[in-house]
Protein backbone atom coordinates (compact mmCIF):
# COMPACT_ATOMS: atom_id res chain seq x y z
CA UNK A 1 0.00 0.00 0.00
CA UNK A 2 1.46 3.38 -0.97
CA UNK A 3 2.00 5.96 1.76
CA UNK A 4 3.00 8.94 -0.38
CA UNK A 5 0.85 12.04 -0.15
CA UNK A 6 -0.93 11.09 3.11
CA UNK A 7 -2.11 14.14 5.09
CA UNK A 8 -2.23 13.76 8.86
CA UNK A 9 -4.53 15.85 11.03
CA UNK A 10 -6.19 13.32 13.37
CA UNK A 11 -5.60 9.97 15.15
CA UNK A 12 -7.63 8.27 12.38
CA UNK A 13 -5.18 9.52 9.78
CA UNK A 14 -2.27 8.23 11.85
CA UNK A 15 -3.96 4.84 11.93
CA UNK A 16 -4.36 4.87 8.15
CA UNK A 17 -0.69 5.61 7.64
CA UNK A 18 0.45 3.02 10.21
CA UNK A 19 -1.77 0.34 8.68
CA UNK A 20 -0.37 1.24 5.28
CA UNK A 21 3.18 0.80 6.54
CA UNK A 22 2.57 -2.77 7.66
CA UNK A 23 0.98 -5.20 10.09
CA UNK A 24 1.65 -5.80 13.77
CA UNK A 25 1.61 -9.41 14.94
CA UNK A 26 3.10 -11.95 17.33
CA UNK A 27 6.78 -12.88 17.07
CA UNK A 28 6.76 -16.53 18.19
CA UNK A 29 10.54 -17.08 18.26
CA UNK A 30 13.56 -15.05 19.32
CA UNK A 31 15.91 -13.63 16.67
CA UNK A 32 19.68 -13.54 17.26
CA UNK A 33 21.62 -10.87 15.38
CA UNK A 34 25.09 -9.36 15.06
CA UNK A 35 25.21 -5.69 14.08
CA UNK A 36 28.07 -4.55 11.87
CA UNK A 37 27.34 -0.81 12.15
CA UNK A 38 24.34 1.19 13.39
CA UNK A 39 23.81 4.95 13.17
CA UNK A 40 20.83 6.48 14.98
CA UNK A 41 19.86 10.05 14.07
CA UNK A 42 18.00 11.57 17.04
CA UNK A 43 15.57 14.47 17.22
CA UNK A 44 13.90 16.00 20.26
CA UNK A 45 10.58 17.84 20.58
CA UNK A 46 8.08 18.86 23.29
CA UNK A 47 6.69 15.67 24.74
CA UNK A 48 3.06 16.58 23.98
CA UNK A 49 4.01 16.88 20.32
CA UNK A 50 5.89 13.57 20.30
CA UNK A 51 2.71 12.02 21.70
CA UNK A 52 1.06 12.68 18.32
CA UNK A 53 3.22 9.91 16.84
CA UNK A 54 1.80 7.29 19.22
CA UNK A 55 -1.51 5.63 20.03
CA UNK A 56 -2.95 6.69 23.39
CA UNK A 57 -2.11 3.26 24.87
CA UNK A 58 1.61 4.06 24.54
CA UNK A 59 3.26 7.06 26.24
CA UNK A 60 6.27 9.01 24.99
CA UNK A 61 9.32 8.67 27.24
CA UNK A 62 10.52 11.98 28.67
CA UNK A 63 14.20 12.91 28.56
CA UNK A 64 14.58 13.42 32.34
CA UNK A 65 13.64 16.88 33.65
CA UNK A 66 13.35 18.44 30.17
CA UNK A 67 9.70 18.13 29.10
CA UNK A 68 11.05 16.72 25.83
CA UNK A 69 10.56 13.45 24.01
CA UNK A 70 12.75 11.84 21.34
CA UNK A 71 12.38 10.08 18.02
CA UNK A 72 14.70 9.27 15.15
CA UNK A 73 15.91 6.98 12.40
CA UNK A 74 18.25 4.00 12.64
CA UNK A 75 20.35 3.07 9.62
CA UNK A 76 22.24 -0.18 10.05
CA UNK A 77 23.38 -3.49 8.63
CA UNK A 78 23.51 -6.78 10.49
CA UNK A 79 23.47 -10.56 10.21
CA UNK A 80 20.87 -12.94 11.62
CA UNK A 81 22.28 -16.38 12.45
CA UNK A 82 19.62 -18.00 14.62
CA UNK A 83 15.83 -18.13 14.81
CA UNK A 84 14.76 -19.46 18.19
CA UNK A 85 16.77 -22.62 18.90
CA UNK A 86 17.51 -23.19 15.19
CA UNK A 87 20.93 -22.11 13.83
CA UNK A 88 20.64 -20.90 10.22
CA UNK A 89 23.12 -19.79 7.54
CA UNK A 90 23.92 -16.14 8.20
CA UNK A 91 21.47 -13.74 6.56
CA UNK A 92 22.84 -10.28 5.76
CA UNK A 93 20.38 -7.43 6.06
CA UNK A 94 20.38 -3.66 5.58
CA UNK A 95 17.76 -1.82 7.57
CA UNK A 96 16.22 1.60 8.22
CA UNK A 97 13.80 2.05 11.10
CA UNK A 98 11.76 5.02 12.35
CA UNK A 99 11.64 4.82 16.15
CA UNK A 100 10.06 6.76 19.03
CA UNK A 101 11.30 6.58 22.63
CA UNK A 102 8.26 5.33 24.54
CA UNK A 103 6.82 3.70 27.63
CA UNK A 104 4.44 0.76 27.51
CA UNK A 105 2.60 -1.06 30.27
CA UNK A 106 2.56 -4.83 30.62
CA UNK A 107 1.94 -6.96 33.68
CA UNK A 108 1.20 -3.90 35.79
CA UNK A 109 4.62 -2.38 35.05
CA UNK A 110 5.82 0.46 32.86
CA UNK A 111 8.59 -0.58 30.47
CA UNK A 112 10.92 1.74 28.57
CA UNK A 113 10.95 0.73 24.92
CA UNK A 114 11.23 2.08 21.42
CA UNK A 115 8.10 2.11 19.27
CA UNK A 116 8.50 1.49 15.54
CA UNK A 117 6.53 3.67 13.11
CA UNK A 118 7.85 1.65 10.17
CA UNK A 119 10.98 -0.11 8.93
CA UNK A 120 12.60 -1.24 5.67
CA UNK A 121 14.75 -4.33 5.15
CA UNK A 122 16.83 -5.54 2.22
CA UNK A 123 16.55 -9.26 3.02
CA UNK A 124 13.55 -10.77 1.25
CA UNK A 125 13.37 -13.59 3.79
CA UNK A 126 13.64 -11.40 6.89
CA UNK A 127 11.26 -8.91 5.34
CA UNK A 128 8.73 -11.65 4.58
CA UNK A 129 8.93 -13.00 8.13
CA UNK A 130 8.96 -9.54 9.69
CA UNK A 131 5.84 -8.51 7.80
CA UNK A 132 3.96 -11.47 9.27
CA UNK A 133 5.60 -12.17 12.62
CA UNK A 134 6.72 -8.93 14.31
CA UNK A 135 5.59 -5.45 15.34
CA UNK A 136 8.18 -3.65 13.18
CA UNK A 137 5.84 -2.91 10.23
CA UNK A 138 8.37 -4.29 7.76
CA UNK A 139 8.68 -3.29 4.13
CA UNK A 140 11.12 -4.95 1.70
CA UNK A 141 13.21 -2.44 -0.26
CA UNK A 142 16.42 -2.34 -2.25
CA UNK A 143 19.51 -0.89 -0.54
CA UNK A 144 22.94 0.33 -1.54
CA UNK A 145 25.69 0.23 1.11
CA UNK A 146 29.23 1.64 1.12
CA UNK A 147 31.48 0.63 4.03
CA UNK A 148 35.10 1.32 3.12
CA UNK A 149 36.60 2.45 6.41
CA UNK A 150 36.52 6.16 5.55
CA UNK A 151 32.83 6.42 4.71
CA UNK A 152 29.69 4.54 5.66
CA UNK A 153 26.62 5.19 3.57
CA UNK A 154 23.30 3.43 3.35
CA UNK A 155 20.59 4.25 0.83
CA UNK A 156 17.09 2.78 0.84
CA UNK A 157 15.63 2.64 -2.68
CA UNK A 158 11.87 2.17 -2.97
CA UNK A 159 9.12 3.01 -5.49
CA UNK A 160 7.30 5.00 -2.80
CA UNK A 161 9.08 8.34 -2.15
CA UNK A 162 8.19 8.31 1.57
CA UNK A 163 9.75 4.87 2.02
CA UNK A 164 13.16 6.02 0.80
CA UNK A 165 16.07 7.20 2.93
CA UNK A 166 19.77 7.93 2.88
CA UNK A 167 22.56 8.36 5.43
CA UNK A 168 26.24 9.11 4.85
CA UNK A 169 28.72 9.21 7.76
CA UNK A 170 32.40 10.12 7.95
CA UNK A 171 34.07 7.46 10.07
CA UNK A 172 36.89 9.72 11.26
CA UNK A 173 34.25 11.98 12.88
CA UNK A 174 33.20 9.24 15.33
CA UNK A 175 34.26 9.95 18.92
CA UNK A 176 33.07 10.08 22.54
CA UNK A 177 33.20 13.89 22.45
CA UNK A 178 29.88 15.57 23.21
CA UNK A 179 28.41 17.67 20.35
CA UNK A 180 27.01 21.11 21.17
CA UNK A 181 23.63 20.17 19.68
CA UNK A 182 22.72 17.53 22.26
CA UNK A 183 20.75 17.92 25.50
CA UNK A 184 22.64 14.98 26.99
CA UNK A 185 25.57 15.67 29.31
CA UNK A 186 27.86 13.04 27.76
CA UNK A 187 27.86 9.81 25.77
CA UNK A 188 26.86 7.76 28.82
CA UNK A 189 23.83 9.98 29.41
CA UNK A 190 22.77 9.66 25.75
CA UNK A 191 23.28 5.89 25.80
CA UNK A 192 21.24 5.52 28.97
CA UNK A 193 18.19 7.24 27.52
CA UNK A 194 18.26 6.11 23.89
CA UNK A 195 19.53 2.54 24.17
CA UNK A 196 19.42 1.27 27.77
CA UNK A 197 15.76 0.36 27.42
CA UNK A 198 13.77 -2.73 28.31
CA UNK A 199 12.84 -3.63 24.75
CA UNK A 200 10.78 -2.66 21.72
CA UNK A 201 7.02 -2.26 21.40
CA UNK A 202 4.16 -1.97 18.96
CA UNK A 203 0.42 -1.44 18.68
CA UNK A 204 -2.08 -3.04 16.32
CA UNK A 205 -4.82 -0.58 15.40
CA UNK A 206 -6.81 -3.36 13.72
CA UNK A 207 -6.79 -5.62 16.80
CA UNK A 208 -6.50 -2.96 19.54
CA UNK A 209 -3.62 -4.93 21.01
CA UNK A 210 -0.19 -4.04 22.32
CA UNK A 211 3.11 -5.82 21.88
CA UNK A 212 6.21 -5.67 24.10
CA UNK A 213 9.43 -7.43 23.15
CA UNK A 214 12.33 -7.76 25.62
CA UNK A 215 15.78 -7.32 24.05
CA UNK A 216 18.97 -8.88 25.43
CA UNK A 217 22.12 -6.88 24.69
CA UNK A 218 25.63 -6.40 26.09
CA UNK A 219 26.98 -3.24 27.69
CA UNK A 220 26.92 -0.67 24.90
CA UNK A 221 30.09 0.88 23.52
CA UNK A 222 28.47 3.98 22.04
CA UNK A 223 29.92 6.99 20.21
CA UNK A 224 28.73 10.26 18.72
CA UNK A 225 29.13 10.80 14.98
CA UNK A 226 29.94 14.44 14.21
CA UNK A 227 30.06 14.26 10.41
CA UNK A 228 26.82 12.88 9.01
CA UNK A 229 24.30 13.82 6.33
CA UNK A 230 20.90 12.21 5.97
CA UNK A 231 17.53 12.37 4.26
CA UNK A 232 14.45 10.65 5.71
CA UNK A 233 11.26 11.62 3.82
CA UNK A 234 8.82 9.76 6.09
CA UNK A 235 10.18 11.45 9.21
CA UNK A 236 10.10 14.86 7.52
CA UNK A 237 6.54 14.24 6.33
CA UNK A 238 5.24 13.32 9.78
CA UNK A 239 7.02 16.21 11.50
CA UNK A 240 5.51 18.68 9.05
CA UNK A 241 2.03 17.15 8.92
CA UNK A 242 1.66 16.80 12.69
CA UNK A 243 3.19 20.19 13.52
CA UNK A 244 6.10 18.81 15.54
CA UNK A 245 8.79 21.35 16.46
CA UNK A 246 11.68 18.93 16.00
CA UNK A 247 15.26 19.85 16.81
CA UNK A 248 18.26 17.80 15.77
CA UNK A 249 20.01 16.36 18.82
CA UNK A 250 22.78 13.94 17.82
CA UNK A 251 23.85 10.91 15.83
CA UNK A 252 24.78 7.86 17.90
CA UNK A 253 27.01 5.09 16.56
CA UNK A 254 27.69 1.50 17.59
CA UNK A 255 29.34 -1.47 15.90
CA UNK A 256 30.09 -5.18 16.34
CA UNK A 257 27.19 -5.82 18.71
CA UNK A 258 25.25 -9.00 19.44
CA UNK A 259 21.57 -8.76 20.35
CA UNK A 260 18.69 -11.14 20.95
CA UNK A 261 15.23 -9.92 20.00
CA UNK A 262 13.03 -12.08 22.22
CA UNK A 263 9.64 -13.50 21.32
CA UNK A 264 6.59 -11.29 21.82
CA UNK A 265 2.84 -11.79 21.90
CA UNK A 266 -0.01 -9.36 21.40
CA UNK A 267 -2.10 -8.58 24.47
CA UNK A 268 -5.23 -6.43 25.02
CA UNK A 269 -4.48 -2.77 25.69
CA UNK A 270 -7.11 -2.71 28.46
CA UNK A 271 -5.24 -5.50 30.29
CA UNK A 272 -1.91 -3.67 30.35
């Protein structure tokens, strides 16, 4: 379903766009991955405006004592080598994902998680499975990647203009040094808010059900990237259509990281 040209002025319109981006469903088995490189471009905005990106059953997560929320785009490539207990030949995948820092309730507890607006994958197999068995609203697209030590670039190529994206990073600009643009005090502070979360989450408008997925990961070795250009049409479209006063915060970088994306099951929002 095409998403280009959608105008957003109400929760119903947000539902239409989300449903057009893909389905939300159970993920019956865990997925084990190894990330080569991941760049996350972060934006901040007043938390009441960030709330416009989410269903009412999911709350935006506040950057402590700021009144601000956060959202952004991940551009990365990784391998998947195990599905549940089953080892598989390594599957290489390029990925772009639009995420919102959020809080979701399950089992009487509030969990910090990132909510996925939509995501694109290059692997036909992972895209096929993700479209049917995850809450990541997967779309299969073509990608071009350059990773030559000096430059890392990832381009998502898709017939729909809003599904496209591009990031280009200068590897010699990666460091622990704090950029002036960020509200975080240092790299540890940024890592704690953006990545030290309990998992990922989703919401099915069609079924009125939530999804929370725990993620197992090691201690992060995170960096800022100071030389990066990017273009994310879907993010720009939503910011403009929903009247979000977004400010660029930072680009975070990690590499050579193992993660386990645990199984998840839909549950009624009223039972959260």
